[in-house]
């Protein structure tokens, strides 16, 4: 197997545009700070897993105007950055994978909602593509946190799958199976969408950018 590639789909952490459910609880400026920290942790995990030259960021928005934008730009130094393309998230997801079809190695795609992810978990997801065409990592809310594909062209199977629902994981798995793909699984992680989620992830992983950012918000806002 060729060396894997990491693909992160993310929004630039701008107040009011990211973590809006969390923002309704703690304020959108605080939520954007938490999102920026989560993205920094995610970028670090990917870089440590495979090195910056094999990492890709499909971005909605502009880091130059984002919270901790300069720090994020420094963190993705050596990465390949592309804008997300498409009107809905599923289309943007599929297009981000298709942008990588001319490269070599499986693609491990994640978002910015699981700052607790480790490099080993990403490498394990990639390793699963030795025996499967796709590897899907469930999220506790019914979605999924990682999708590894031995061929990024397989992402076209997801056209029409609705994301961010309680059945997104099962719907995604069904779509992959319907294409005739062998689908494996990896560990379950918890997305950070609410203050309760953030507390749970902090308890599990009390170090890193996210842990420091959320601890500061909790001290100032959450009672």
N, C-alpha and C. Protein backbone atom coordinates (compact mmCIF):
# COMPACT_ATOMS: atom_id res chain seq x y z
N UNK A 1 0.85 -1.20 0.00
CA UNK A 1 0.00 0.00 0.00
C UNK A 1 0.88 1.24 0.00
N UNK A 2 0.57 2.17 -0.89
CA UNK A 2 1.28 3.45 -0.89
C UNK A 2 0.97 4.20 0.39
N UNK A 3 1.82 5.15 0.72
CA UNK A 3 1.62 5.94 1.93
C UNK A 3 0.29 6.68 1.87
N UNK A 4 -0.45 6.71 2.99
CA UNK A 4 -1.76 7.37 2.97
C UNK A 4 -1.65 8.88 2.88
N UNK A 5 -2.77 9.46 2.49
CA UNK A 5 -2.91 10.91 2.45
C UNK A 5 -4.02 11.32 3.41
N UNK A 6 -3.86 12.45 4.06
CA UNK A 6 -4.87 12.98 4.96
C UNK A 6 -5.64 14.11 4.26
N UNK A 7 -6.94 14.12 4.44
CA UNK A 7 -7.81 15.15 3.86
C UNK A 7 -8.71 15.70 4.95
N UNK A 8 -8.57 16.97 5.25
CA UNK A 8 -9.40 17.63 6.25
C UNK A 8 -10.37 18.57 5.55
N UNK A 9 -11.66 18.41 5.83
CA UNK A 9 -12.67 19.37 5.39
C UNK A 9 -13.00 20.26 6.57
N UNK A 10 -12.87 21.56 6.39
CA UNK A 10 -13.06 22.46 7.52
C UNK A 10 -13.60 23.80 7.04
N UNK A 11 -14.19 24.52 7.99
CA UNK A 11 -14.58 25.91 7.78
C UNK A 11 -13.56 26.81 8.47
N UNK A 12 -13.28 27.94 7.86
CA UNK A 12 -12.46 28.93 8.55
C UNK A 12 -13.20 29.36 9.81
N UNK A 13 -12.52 29.35 10.97
CA UNK A 13 -13.20 29.66 12.23
C UNK A 13 -13.51 31.15 12.39
N UNK A 14 -14.62 31.52 11.82
CA UNK A 14 -15.11 32.89 11.89
C UNK A 14 -16.36 32.92 12.76
N UNK A 15 -16.45 33.84 13.73
CA UNK A 15 -17.62 33.87 14.62
C UNK A 15 -18.93 33.93 13.84
N UNK A 16 -19.87 33.08 14.26
CA UNK A 16 -21.17 33.02 13.62
C UNK A 16 -21.26 32.07 12.46
N UNK A 17 -20.10 31.51 12.03
CA UNK A 17 -20.09 30.60 10.89
C UNK A 17 -19.65 29.19 11.28
N UNK A 18 -19.14 29.02 12.46
CA UNK A 18 -18.69 27.71 12.92
C UNK A 18 -19.26 27.45 14.32
N UNK A 19 -19.47 26.18 14.63
CA UNK A 19 -19.92 25.77 15.96
C UNK A 19 -21.10 26.62 16.43
N UNK A 20 -22.11 26.76 15.59
CA UNK A 20 -23.22 27.65 15.93
C UNK A 20 -24.06 27.11 17.08
N UNK A 21 -24.18 25.79 17.20
CA UNK A 21 -24.92 25.23 18.35
C UNK A 21 -24.18 25.56 19.64
N UNK A 22 -22.89 25.42 19.63
CA UNK A 22 -22.10 25.79 20.80
C UNK A 22 -22.16 27.29 21.02
N UNK A 23 -22.13 28.06 19.93
CA UNK A 23 -22.18 29.51 20.03
C UNK A 23 -23.45 30.02 20.67
N UNK A 24 -24.56 29.30 20.46
CA UNK A 24 -25.81 29.70 21.10
C UNK A 24 -25.72 29.59 22.61
N UNK A 25 -24.81 28.77 23.09
CA UNK A 25 -24.65 28.57 24.55
C UNK A 25 -23.59 29.49 25.14
N UNK A 26 -22.46 29.66 24.42
CA UNK A 26 -21.32 30.37 25.01
C UNK A 26 -20.98 31.66 24.29
N UNK A 27 -21.67 31.97 23.20
CA UNK A 27 -21.34 33.13 22.39
C UNK A 27 -20.51 32.72 21.19
N UNK A 28 -20.77 33.37 20.06
CA UNK A 28 -20.14 32.93 18.82
C UNK A 28 -18.64 33.23 18.77
N UNK A 29 -18.19 34.25 19.46
CA UNK A 29 -16.74 34.53 19.50
C UNK A 29 -16.02 33.40 20.23
N UNK A 30 -16.58 32.97 21.36
CA UNK A 30 -15.97 31.86 22.10
C UNK A 30 -16.03 30.57 21.28
N UNK A 31 -17.15 30.34 20.60
CA UNK A 31 -17.29 29.13 19.81
C UNK A 31 -16.26 29.09 18.68
N UNK A 32 -15.99 30.24 18.06
CA UNK A 32 -15.00 30.28 16.99
C UNK A 32 -13.60 30.02 17.53
N UNK A 33 -13.33 30.50 18.75
CA UNK A 33 -12.03 30.22 19.37
C UNK A 33 -11.86 28.73 19.63
N UNK A 34 -12.93 28.08 20.06
CA UNK A 34 -12.90 26.64 20.29
C UNK A 34 -12.71 25.90 18.96
N UNK A 35 -13.40 26.35 17.92
CA UNK A 35 -13.26 25.73 16.61
C UNK A 35 -11.84 25.86 16.08
N UNK A 36 -11.24 27.03 16.25
CA UNK A 36 -9.86 27.22 15.81
C UNK A 36 -8.92 26.28 16.53
N UNK A 37 -9.13 26.14 17.83
CA UNK A 37 -8.28 25.23 18.61
C UNK A 37 -8.47 23.79 18.16
N UNK A 38 -9.71 23.40 17.91
CA UNK A 38 -9.99 22.04 17.45
C UNK A 38 -9.32 21.78 16.11
N UNK A 39 -9.36 22.75 15.22
CA UNK A 39 -8.72 22.59 13.91
C UNK A 39 -7.21 22.49 14.06
N UNK A 40 -6.63 23.26 14.96
CA UNK A 40 -5.19 23.17 15.19
C UNK A 40 -4.79 21.78 15.66
N UNK A 41 -5.56 21.22 16.58
CA UNK A 41 -5.26 19.86 17.05
C UNK A 41 -5.40 18.84 15.92
N UNK A 42 -6.42 19.01 15.09
CA UNK A 42 -6.64 18.09 13.98
C UNK A 42 -5.50 18.17 12.97
N UNK A 43 -5.09 19.37 12.64
CA UNK A 43 -3.98 19.57 11.71
C UNK A 43 -2.71 18.94 12.27
N UNK A 44 -2.46 19.13 13.54
CA UNK A 44 -1.26 18.55 14.15
C UNK A 44 -1.28 17.03 14.07
N UNK A 45 -2.44 16.42 14.36
CA UNK A 45 -2.53 14.96 14.31
C UNK A 45 -2.26 14.45 12.90
N UNK A 46 -2.82 15.11 11.91
CA UNK A 46 -2.61 14.69 10.52
C UNK A 46 -1.14 14.83 10.12
N UNK A 47 -0.54 15.96 10.47
CA UNK A 47 0.86 16.20 10.13
C UNK A 47 1.76 15.16 10.77
N UNK A 48 1.49 14.85 12.03
CA UNK A 48 2.31 13.85 12.71
C UNK A 48 2.09 12.46 12.14
N UNK A 49 0.92 12.21 11.59
CA UNK A 49 0.61 10.88 11.05
C UNK A 49 1.37 10.60 9.76
N UNK A 50 1.42 11.56 8.85
CA UNK A 50 1.97 11.27 7.52
C UNK A 50 2.94 12.33 7.00
N UNK A 51 3.12 13.44 7.71
CA UNK A 51 3.96 14.51 7.21
C UNK A 51 3.16 15.52 6.39
N UNK A 52 3.57 16.77 6.39
CA UNK A 52 2.78 17.83 5.75
C UNK A 52 2.60 17.66 4.25
N UNK A 53 3.56 17.06 3.56
CA UNK A 53 3.47 16.96 2.10
C UNK A 53 2.36 16.02 1.64
N UNK A 54 1.83 15.19 2.55
CA UNK A 54 0.75 14.27 2.20
C UNK A 54 -0.57 14.67 2.84
N UNK A 55 -0.65 15.92 3.26
CA UNK A 55 -1.86 16.44 3.90
C UNK A 55 -2.54 17.47 3.01
N UNK A 56 -3.87 17.42 3.01
CA UNK A 56 -4.68 18.31 2.17
C UNK A 56 -5.78 18.93 3.03
N UNK A 57 -6.03 20.20 2.80
CA UNK A 57 -7.10 20.93 3.49
C UNK A 57 -8.06 21.48 2.45
N UNK A 58 -9.31 21.03 2.52
CA UNK A 58 -10.39 21.60 1.70
C UNK A 58 -11.13 22.58 2.59
N UNK A 59 -11.02 23.85 2.30
CA UNK A 59 -11.44 24.90 3.22
C UNK A 59 -12.62 25.69 2.66
N UNK A 60 -13.59 25.94 3.54
CA UNK A 60 -14.67 26.88 3.25
C UNK A 60 -14.34 28.17 3.98
N UNK A 61 -14.16 29.24 3.24
CA UNK A 61 -13.81 30.50 3.86
C UNK A 61 -12.32 30.80 3.71
N UNK A 62 -11.87 31.78 4.48
CA UNK A 62 -10.50 32.29 4.34
C UNK A 62 -9.85 32.34 5.72
N UNK A 63 -8.73 31.67 5.89
CA UNK A 63 -8.04 31.68 7.17
C UNK A 63 -7.48 33.06 7.50
N UNK A 64 -7.25 33.88 6.48
CA UNK A 64 -6.68 35.20 6.74
C UNK A 64 -7.60 36.05 7.61
N UNK A 65 -8.91 35.81 7.57
CA UNK A 65 -9.84 36.58 8.38
C UNK A 65 -10.42 35.80 9.54
N UNK A 66 -9.78 34.69 9.90
CA UNK A 66 -10.33 33.79 10.90
C UNK A 66 -9.66 33.96 12.26
N UNK A 67 -10.30 33.47 13.30
CA UNK A 67 -9.69 33.41 14.62
C UNK A 67 -8.44 32.55 14.55
N UNK A 68 -7.34 33.06 15.06
CA UNK A 68 -6.04 32.38 15.05
C UNK A 68 -5.62 32.01 13.63
N UNK A 69 -6.02 32.87 12.70
CA UNK A 69 -5.75 32.59 11.30
C UNK A 69 -4.28 32.47 10.98
N UNK A 70 -3.45 33.35 11.51
CA UNK A 70 -2.01 33.28 11.23
C UNK A 70 -1.42 31.99 11.78
N UNK A 71 -1.87 31.59 12.96
CA UNK A 71 -1.38 30.35 13.56
C UNK A 71 -1.80 29.14 12.72
N UNK A 72 -3.02 29.16 12.23
CA UNK A 72 -3.51 28.07 11.40
C UNK A 72 -2.74 28.02 10.07
N UNK A 73 -2.48 29.16 9.48
CA UNK A 73 -1.71 29.18 8.24
C UNK A 73 -0.32 28.61 8.46
N UNK A 74 0.27 28.92 9.60
CA UNK A 74 1.57 28.33 9.91
C UNK A 74 1.49 26.84 10.12
N UNK A 75 0.41 26.38 10.74
CA UNK A 75 0.25 24.95 11.02
C UNK A 75 0.11 24.13 9.75
N UNK A 76 -0.49 24.71 8.70
CA UNK A 76 -0.68 23.97 7.45
C UNK A 76 0.42 24.28 6.43
N UNK A 77 1.52 24.83 6.89
CA UNK A 77 2.65 25.05 6.00
C UNK A 77 3.11 23.71 5.42
N UNK A 78 3.22 23.63 4.12
CA UNK A 78 3.59 22.39 3.47
C UNK A 78 2.40 21.54 3.04
N UNK A 79 1.20 21.88 3.52
CA UNK A 79 -0.02 21.19 3.10
C UNK A 79 -0.45 21.72 1.72
N UNK A 80 -1.33 20.96 1.07
CA UNK A 80 -2.02 21.44 -0.13
C UNK A 80 -3.38 21.98 0.29
N UNK A 81 -3.65 23.25 -0.02
CA UNK A 81 -4.91 23.89 0.34
C UNK A 81 -5.75 24.12 -0.92
N UNK A 82 -7.02 23.77 -0.82
CA UNK A 82 -7.97 24.00 -1.90
C UNK A 82 -9.27 24.53 -1.32
N UNK A 83 -9.99 25.35 -2.07
CA UNK A 83 -11.32 25.76 -1.61
C UNK A 83 -12.32 24.63 -1.79
N UNK A 84 -13.28 24.54 -0.91
CA UNK A 84 -14.37 23.59 -1.10
C UNK A 84 -15.22 24.03 -2.28
N UNK A 85 -15.75 23.03 -3.02
CA UNK A 85 -16.54 23.33 -4.22
C UNK A 85 -17.86 22.59 -4.13
N UNK A 86 -18.97 23.35 -4.30
CA UNK A 86 -20.29 22.74 -4.29
C UNK A 86 -21.24 23.48 -3.39
N UNK A 87 -22.52 23.32 -3.66
CA UNK A 87 -23.53 24.06 -2.93
C UNK A 87 -23.88 23.46 -1.58
N UNK A 88 -23.89 22.13 -1.48
CA UNK A 88 -24.22 21.48 -0.21
C UNK A 88 -23.01 20.70 0.28
N UNK A 89 -23.06 20.30 1.56
CA UNK A 89 -21.88 19.69 2.14
C UNK A 89 -21.51 18.38 1.47
N UNK A 90 -22.49 17.56 1.12
CA UNK A 90 -22.18 16.29 0.49
C UNK A 90 -21.45 16.49 -0.82
N UNK A 91 -21.88 17.45 -1.60
CA UNK A 91 -21.21 17.74 -2.87
C UNK A 91 -19.78 18.22 -2.62
N UNK A 92 -19.61 19.08 -1.62
CA UNK A 92 -18.25 19.56 -1.31
C UNK A 92 -17.36 18.41 -0.84
N UNK A 93 -17.95 17.48 -0.08
CA UNK A 93 -17.21 16.32 0.40
C UNK A 93 -16.75 15.45 -0.77
N UNK A 94 -17.67 15.14 -1.67
CA UNK A 94 -17.33 14.31 -2.83
C UNK A 94 -16.26 15.00 -3.68
N UNK A 95 -16.42 16.28 -3.93
CA UNK A 95 -15.46 17.00 -4.77
C UNK A 95 -14.08 17.04 -4.14
N UNK A 96 -14.02 17.16 -2.81
CA UNK A 96 -12.71 17.18 -2.14
C UNK A 96 -11.97 15.87 -2.35
N UNK A 97 -12.70 14.76 -2.31
CA UNK A 97 -12.07 13.47 -2.61
C UNK A 97 -11.66 13.38 -4.07
N UNK A 98 -12.52 13.83 -4.96
CA UNK A 98 -12.21 13.72 -6.38
C UNK A 98 -11.00 14.56 -6.77
N UNK A 99 -10.71 15.60 -6.02
CA UNK A 99 -9.52 16.40 -6.28
C UNK A 99 -8.24 15.59 -6.08
N UNK A 100 -8.35 14.44 -5.41
CA UNK A 100 -7.16 13.65 -5.08
C UNK A 100 -7.04 12.37 -5.92
N UNK A 101 -7.89 12.19 -6.91
CA UNK A 101 -7.90 10.92 -7.64
C UNK A 101 -6.62 10.69 -8.43
N UNK A 102 -5.89 11.72 -8.78
CA UNK A 102 -4.68 11.54 -9.58
C UNK A 102 -3.45 11.24 -8.74
N UNK A 103 -3.60 11.24 -7.41
CA UNK A 103 -2.47 10.94 -6.54
C UNK A 103 -2.39 9.46 -6.21
N UNK A 104 -1.47 9.10 -5.33
CA UNK A 104 -1.29 7.71 -4.93
C UNK A 104 -1.49 7.57 -3.43
N UNK A 105 -2.01 6.41 -3.04
CA UNK A 105 -2.23 6.12 -1.63
C UNK A 105 -3.65 6.36 -1.21
N UNK A 106 -4.11 5.62 -0.20
CA UNK A 106 -5.47 5.82 0.30
C UNK A 106 -5.65 7.21 0.88
N UNK A 107 -6.90 7.64 0.95
CA UNK A 107 -7.22 8.96 1.50
C UNK A 107 -8.01 8.78 2.79
N UNK A 108 -7.56 9.44 3.84
CA UNK A 108 -8.22 9.42 5.14
C UNK A 108 -8.81 10.80 5.37
N UNK A 109 -10.13 10.89 5.35
CA UNK A 109 -10.80 12.19 5.43
C UNK A 109 -11.49 12.38 6.78
N UNK A 110 -11.25 13.51 7.40
CA UNK A 110 -11.90 13.88 8.65
C UNK A 110 -12.33 15.34 8.58
N UNK A 111 -13.08 15.75 9.58
CA UNK A 111 -13.47 17.14 9.72
C UNK A 111 -12.71 17.80 10.85
N UNK A 112 -13.32 18.82 11.45
CA UNK A 112 -12.67 19.60 12.51
C UNK A 112 -13.38 19.44 13.84
N UNK A 113 -14.23 18.40 13.97
CA UNK A 113 -15.06 18.26 15.16
C UNK A 113 -14.54 17.24 16.17
N UNK A 114 -13.39 16.61 15.88
CA UNK A 114 -12.85 15.59 16.78
C UNK A 114 -11.41 15.93 17.15
N UNK A 115 -11.22 16.97 17.97
CA UNK A 115 -9.85 17.39 18.30
C UNK A 115 -9.08 16.35 19.12
N UNK A 116 -9.78 15.35 19.66
CA UNK A 116 -9.14 14.30 20.43
C UNK A 116 -8.49 13.23 19.57
N UNK A 117 -8.66 13.30 18.25
CA UNK A 117 -8.11 12.27 17.37
C UNK A 117 -6.59 12.23 17.50
N UNK A 118 -6.06 11.02 17.40
CA UNK A 118 -4.61 10.83 17.51
C UNK A 118 -4.02 10.42 16.16
N UNK A 119 -2.73 10.66 15.96
CA UNK A 119 -2.10 10.17 14.73
C UNK A 119 -2.27 8.67 14.54
N UNK A 120 -2.17 7.91 15.62
CA UNK A 120 -2.31 6.45 15.50
C UNK A 120 -3.70 6.06 15.00
N UNK A 121 -4.74 6.76 15.45
CA UNK A 121 -6.09 6.45 14.98
C UNK A 121 -6.23 6.72 13.49
N UNK A 122 -5.60 7.76 13.01
CA UNK A 122 -5.64 8.07 11.58
C UNK A 122 -4.87 7.02 10.78
N UNK A 123 -3.72 6.62 11.27
CA UNK A 123 -2.93 5.60 10.59
C UNK A 123 -3.68 4.27 10.59
N UNK A 124 -4.35 3.95 11.69
CA UNK A 124 -5.13 2.71 11.76
C UNK A 124 -6.26 2.72 10.73
N UNK A 125 -6.92 3.87 10.56
CA UNK A 125 -7.98 3.96 9.55
C UNK A 125 -7.43 3.70 8.16
N UNK A 126 -6.26 4.26 7.89
CA UNK A 126 -5.62 4.03 6.58
C UNK A 126 -5.26 2.56 6.41
N UNK A 127 -4.75 1.95 7.47
CA UNK A 127 -4.34 0.55 7.39
C UNK A 127 -5.52 -0.36 7.07
N UNK A 128 -6.71 0.04 7.49
CA UNK A 128 -7.89 -0.75 7.22
C UNK A 128 -8.19 -0.90 5.74
N UNK A 129 -7.65 0.01 4.92
CA UNK A 129 -7.91 -0.07 3.49
C UNK A 129 -7.07 -1.15 2.82
N UNK A 130 -6.22 -1.83 3.57
CA UNK A 130 -5.52 -2.99 2.99
C UNK A 130 -6.49 -4.14 2.75
N UNK A 131 -7.51 -4.24 3.61
CA UNK A 131 -8.47 -5.33 3.51
C UNK A 131 -9.86 -4.87 3.08
N UNK A 132 -10.09 -3.56 3.09
CA UNK A 132 -11.39 -3.01 2.72
C UNK A 132 -11.23 -1.90 1.70
N UNK A 133 -12.29 -1.66 0.95
CA UNK A 133 -12.28 -0.53 0.02
C UNK A 133 -12.54 0.79 0.75
N UNK A 134 -13.25 0.71 1.86
CA UNK A 134 -13.59 1.90 2.66
C UNK A 134 -13.58 1.53 4.13
N UNK A 135 -13.22 2.48 4.96
CA UNK A 135 -13.26 2.32 6.41
C UNK A 135 -14.01 3.52 6.98
N UNK A 136 -15.02 3.25 7.79
CA UNK A 136 -15.88 4.31 8.32
C UNK A 136 -15.81 4.29 9.84
N UNK A 137 -15.58 5.45 10.43
CA UNK A 137 -15.50 5.56 11.88
C UNK A 137 -16.75 6.20 12.44
N UNK A 138 -17.54 5.48 13.23
CA UNK A 138 -18.79 6.04 13.75
C UNK A 138 -18.55 7.18 14.74
N UNK A 139 -19.48 8.13 14.75
CA UNK A 139 -19.52 9.16 15.79
C UNK A 139 -20.70 8.85 16.72
N UNK A 140 -20.60 9.29 17.94
CA UNK A 140 -21.61 8.94 18.94
C UNK A 140 -22.98 9.50 18.61
N UNK A 141 -23.04 10.55 17.81
CA UNK A 141 -24.33 11.19 17.50
C UNK A 141 -25.03 10.57 16.29
N UNK A 142 -24.48 9.48 15.76
CA UNK A 142 -25.08 8.84 14.60
C UNK A 142 -24.42 9.19 13.29
N UNK A 143 -23.50 10.11 13.32
CA UNK A 143 -22.74 10.45 12.13
C UNK A 143 -21.46 9.64 12.05
N UNK A 144 -20.47 10.16 11.35
CA UNK A 144 -19.16 9.52 11.31
C UNK A 144 -18.08 10.59 11.36
N UNK A 145 -16.92 10.18 11.90
CA UNK A 145 -15.83 11.14 12.08
C UNK A 145 -14.70 10.93 11.09
N UNK A 146 -14.61 9.74 10.49
CA UNK A 146 -13.53 9.48 9.53
C UNK A 146 -14.05 8.58 8.42
N UNK A 147 -13.57 8.84 7.21
CA UNK A 147 -13.83 7.99 6.06
C UNK A 147 -12.51 7.79 5.34
N UNK A 148 -12.04 6.56 5.32
CA UNK A 148 -10.82 6.22 4.60
C UNK A 148 -11.21 5.43 3.35
N UNK A 149 -10.68 5.81 2.22
CA UNK A 149 -10.97 5.16 0.94
C UNK A 149 -9.67 4.74 0.28
N UNK A 150 -9.64 3.49 -0.20
CA UNK A 150 -8.44 3.06 -0.92
C UNK A 150 -8.33 3.77 -2.27
N UNK A 151 -9.46 4.23 -2.79
CA UNK A 151 -9.51 5.01 -4.03
C UNK A 151 -10.48 6.17 -3.79
N UNK A 152 -10.00 7.42 -3.82
CA UNK A 152 -10.90 8.54 -3.53
C UNK A 152 -12.05 8.66 -4.51
N UNK A 153 -11.95 8.02 -5.67
CA UNK A 153 -13.06 8.02 -6.60
C UNK A 153 -14.30 7.34 -6.07
N UNK A 154 -14.13 6.46 -5.07
CA UNK A 154 -15.28 5.79 -4.46
C UNK A 154 -16.23 6.79 -3.79
N UNK A 155 -15.76 8.01 -3.52
CA UNK A 155 -16.59 9.00 -2.83
C UNK A 155 -17.84 9.35 -3.62
N UNK A 156 -17.84 9.09 -4.90
CA UNK A 156 -19.05 9.39 -5.69
C UNK A 156 -20.25 8.57 -5.20
N UNK A 157 -19.99 7.49 -4.48
CA UNK A 157 -21.09 6.69 -3.92
C UNK A 157 -21.91 7.48 -2.92
N UNK A 158 -21.35 8.55 -2.38
CA UNK A 158 -22.02 9.31 -1.33
C UNK A 158 -22.97 10.37 -1.87
N UNK A 159 -23.00 10.57 -3.16
CA UNK A 159 -23.92 11.56 -3.74
C UNK A 159 -25.34 11.25 -3.30
N UNK A 160 -25.99 12.22 -2.71
CA UNK A 160 -27.36 12.02 -2.24
C UNK A 160 -27.48 11.65 -0.79
N UNK A 161 -26.38 11.26 -0.13
CA UNK A 161 -26.43 10.97 1.30
C UNK A 161 -26.50 12.29 2.06
N UNK A 162 -27.45 12.40 2.96
CA UNK A 162 -27.61 13.63 3.74
C UNK A 162 -26.71 13.55 4.98
N UNK A 163 -25.89 14.56 5.17
CA UNK A 163 -24.97 14.59 6.30
C UNK A 163 -25.63 15.28 7.50
N UNK A 164 -25.02 15.08 8.66
CA UNK A 164 -25.44 15.73 9.91
C UNK A 164 -26.85 15.33 10.34
N UNK A 165 -27.16 14.04 10.23
CA UNK A 165 -28.41 13.51 10.75
C UNK A 165 -28.09 12.34 11.68
N UNK A 166 -29.05 11.89 12.48
CA UNK A 166 -28.79 10.75 13.36
C UNK A 166 -28.54 9.44 12.63
N UNK A 167 -28.80 9.40 11.32
CA UNK A 167 -28.59 8.17 10.56
C UNK A 167 -27.50 8.31 9.50
N UNK A 168 -26.71 9.37 9.58
CA UNK A 168 -25.71 9.61 8.54
C UNK A 168 -24.70 8.47 8.43
N UNK A 169 -24.24 7.94 9.56
CA UNK A 169 -23.31 6.83 9.49
C UNK A 169 -23.92 5.65 8.76
N UNK A 170 -25.11 5.23 9.17
CA UNK A 170 -25.75 4.07 8.55
C UNK A 170 -26.06 4.33 7.08
N UNK A 171 -26.50 5.55 6.76
CA UNK A 171 -26.80 5.88 5.37
C UNK A 171 -25.54 5.87 4.51
N UNK A 172 -24.45 6.36 5.07
CA UNK A 172 -23.18 6.37 4.34
C UNK A 172 -22.69 4.94 4.11
N UNK A 173 -22.75 4.14 5.14
CA UNK A 173 -22.31 2.74 5.01
C UNK A 173 -23.16 2.01 3.97
N UNK A 174 -24.46 2.24 4.00
CA UNK A 174 -25.35 1.60 3.02
C UNK A 174 -25.01 2.03 1.60
N UNK A 175 -24.70 3.30 1.42
CA UNK A 175 -24.36 3.81 0.09
C UNK A 175 -23.07 3.18 -0.42
N UNK A 176 -22.10 3.02 0.45
CA UNK A 176 -20.84 2.39 0.06
C UNK A 176 -21.04 0.91 -0.28
N UNK A 177 -21.83 0.23 0.55
CA UNK A 177 -22.11 -1.18 0.28
C UNK A 177 -22.87 -1.36 -1.02
N UNK A 178 -23.81 -0.45 -1.29
CA UNK A 178 -24.60 -0.54 -2.52
C UNK A 178 -23.73 -0.39 -3.76
N UNK A 179 -22.60 0.28 -3.63
CA UNK A 179 -21.65 0.41 -4.74
C UNK A 179 -20.80 -0.86 -4.89
N UNK A 180 -20.98 -1.82 -3.98
CA UNK A 180 -20.21 -3.06 -4.05
C UNK A 180 -18.88 -2.99 -3.33
N UNK A 181 -18.71 -1.99 -2.46
CA UNK A 181 -17.45 -1.82 -1.75
C UNK A 181 -17.44 -2.64 -0.45
N UNK A 182 -16.27 -3.09 -0.08
CA UNK A 182 -16.07 -3.74 1.22
C UNK A 182 -15.83 -2.65 2.25
N UNK A 183 -16.66 -2.62 3.29
CA UNK A 183 -16.62 -1.52 4.25
C UNK A 183 -16.19 -2.04 5.62
N UNK A 184 -15.11 -1.50 6.14
CA UNK A 184 -14.64 -1.81 7.48
C UNK A 184 -15.01 -0.70 8.45
N UNK A 185 -14.67 -0.90 9.71
CA UNK A 185 -15.02 0.06 10.76
C UNK A 185 -13.77 0.38 11.59
N UNK A 186 -13.82 1.51 12.25
CA UNK A 186 -12.77 1.87 13.19
C UNK A 186 -13.44 2.38 14.46
N UNK A 187 -12.67 2.94 15.37
CA UNK A 187 -13.18 3.30 16.69
C UNK A 187 -14.25 4.39 16.59
N UNK A 188 -15.10 4.44 17.60
CA UNK A 188 -16.13 5.47 17.71
C UNK A 188 -15.57 6.66 18.48
N UNK A 189 -15.78 7.87 17.95
CA UNK A 189 -15.38 9.09 18.64
C UNK A 189 -16.61 9.99 18.80
N UNK A 190 -16.44 11.01 19.63
CA UNK A 190 -17.52 11.96 19.89
C UNK A 190 -17.22 13.29 19.23
N UNK A 191 -18.13 13.77 18.41
CA UNK A 191 -18.02 15.11 17.82
C UNK A 191 -18.28 16.16 18.90
N UNK A 192 -17.63 17.31 18.73
CA UNK A 192 -17.88 18.44 19.62
C UNK A 192 -18.86 19.39 18.93
N UNK A 193 -20.11 19.33 19.33
CA UNK A 193 -21.14 20.22 18.80
C UNK A 193 -21.76 21.08 19.89
N UNK A 194 -21.74 20.60 21.12
CA UNK A 194 -22.40 21.28 22.24
C UNK A 194 -21.44 21.38 23.42
N UNK A 195 -21.86 22.11 24.44
CA UNK A 195 -21.04 22.22 25.64
C UNK A 195 -20.89 20.87 26.33
N UNK A 196 -21.92 20.06 26.31
CA UNK A 196 -21.84 18.72 26.90
C UNK A 196 -20.80 17.88 26.16
N UNK A 197 -20.80 17.97 24.84
CA UNK A 197 -19.78 17.26 24.04
C UNK A 197 -18.39 17.76 24.40
N UNK A 198 -18.24 19.07 24.49
CA UNK A 198 -16.93 19.64 24.78
C UNK A 198 -16.42 19.18 26.14
N UNK A 199 -17.30 19.13 27.13
CA UNK A 199 -16.90 18.64 28.44
C UNK A 199 -16.43 17.20 28.39
N UNK A 200 -17.16 16.37 27.63
CA UNK A 200 -16.80 14.96 27.53
C UNK A 200 -15.45 14.77 26.84
N UNK A 201 -15.21 15.52 25.78
CA UNK A 201 -13.94 15.40 25.08
C UNK A 201 -12.80 15.94 25.94
N UNK A 202 -13.04 17.03 26.66
CA UNK A 202 -12.03 17.56 27.56
C UNK A 202 -11.64 16.54 28.62
N UNK A 203 -12.63 15.84 29.17
CA UNK A 203 -12.34 14.83 30.19
C UNK A 203 -11.50 13.69 29.61
N UNK A 204 -11.73 13.38 28.35
CA UNK A 204 -11.00 12.29 27.70
C UNK A 204 -9.60 12.72 27.28
N UNK A 205 -9.47 13.97 26.84
CA UNK A 205 -8.19 14.45 26.33
C UNK A 205 -7.91 15.85 26.91
N UNK A 206 -7.34 15.90 28.13
CA UNK A 206 -7.20 17.18 28.84
C UNK A 206 -6.00 18.02 28.42
N UNK A 207 -5.36 17.68 27.31
CA UNK A 207 -4.22 18.46 26.82
C UNK A 207 -4.48 18.87 25.38
N UNK A 208 -3.72 19.86 24.92
CA UNK A 208 -3.83 20.30 23.53
C UNK A 208 -4.52 21.65 23.41
N UNK A 209 -4.59 22.13 22.18
CA UNK A 209 -5.19 23.44 21.92
C UNK A 209 -6.66 23.47 22.33
N UNK A 210 -7.41 22.43 21.97
CA UNK A 210 -8.83 22.41 22.31
C UNK A 210 -9.02 22.41 23.82
N UNK A 211 -8.27 21.60 24.52
CA UNK A 211 -8.43 21.52 25.97
C UNK A 211 -8.19 22.88 26.62
N UNK A 212 -7.16 23.57 26.18
CA UNK A 212 -6.88 24.89 26.76
C UNK A 212 -7.97 25.90 26.40
N UNK A 213 -8.43 25.87 25.15
CA UNK A 213 -9.45 26.83 24.73
C UNK A 213 -10.77 26.58 25.45
N UNK A 214 -11.20 25.32 25.52
CA UNK A 214 -12.47 25.04 26.17
C UNK A 214 -12.40 25.27 27.67
N UNK A 215 -11.28 24.96 28.29
CA UNK A 215 -11.12 25.22 29.73
C UNK A 215 -11.25 26.72 30.01
N UNK A 216 -10.70 27.54 29.13
CA UNK A 216 -10.81 28.99 29.31
C UNK A 216 -12.25 29.45 29.15
N UNK A 217 -12.96 28.91 28.17
CA UNK A 217 -14.36 29.28 27.97
C UNK A 217 -15.20 28.83 29.15
N UNK A 218 -14.98 27.63 29.63
CA UNK A 218 -15.74 27.12 30.77
C UNK A 218 -15.56 28.04 31.99
N UNK A 219 -14.34 28.46 32.21
CA UNK A 219 -14.05 29.31 33.35
C UNK A 219 -14.74 30.66 33.24
N UNK A 220 -14.86 31.17 32.01
CA UNK A 220 -15.44 32.49 31.82
C UNK A 220 -16.94 32.47 31.66
N UNK A 221 -17.48 31.42 31.00
CA UNK A 221 -18.88 31.47 30.57
C UNK A 221 -19.72 30.36 31.15
N UNK A 222 -19.25 29.11 31.11
CA UNK A 222 -20.09 27.97 31.44
C UNK A 222 -20.16 27.81 32.95
N UNK A 223 -21.37 27.67 33.44
CA UNK A 223 -21.56 27.49 34.87
C UNK A 223 -22.25 26.15 35.12
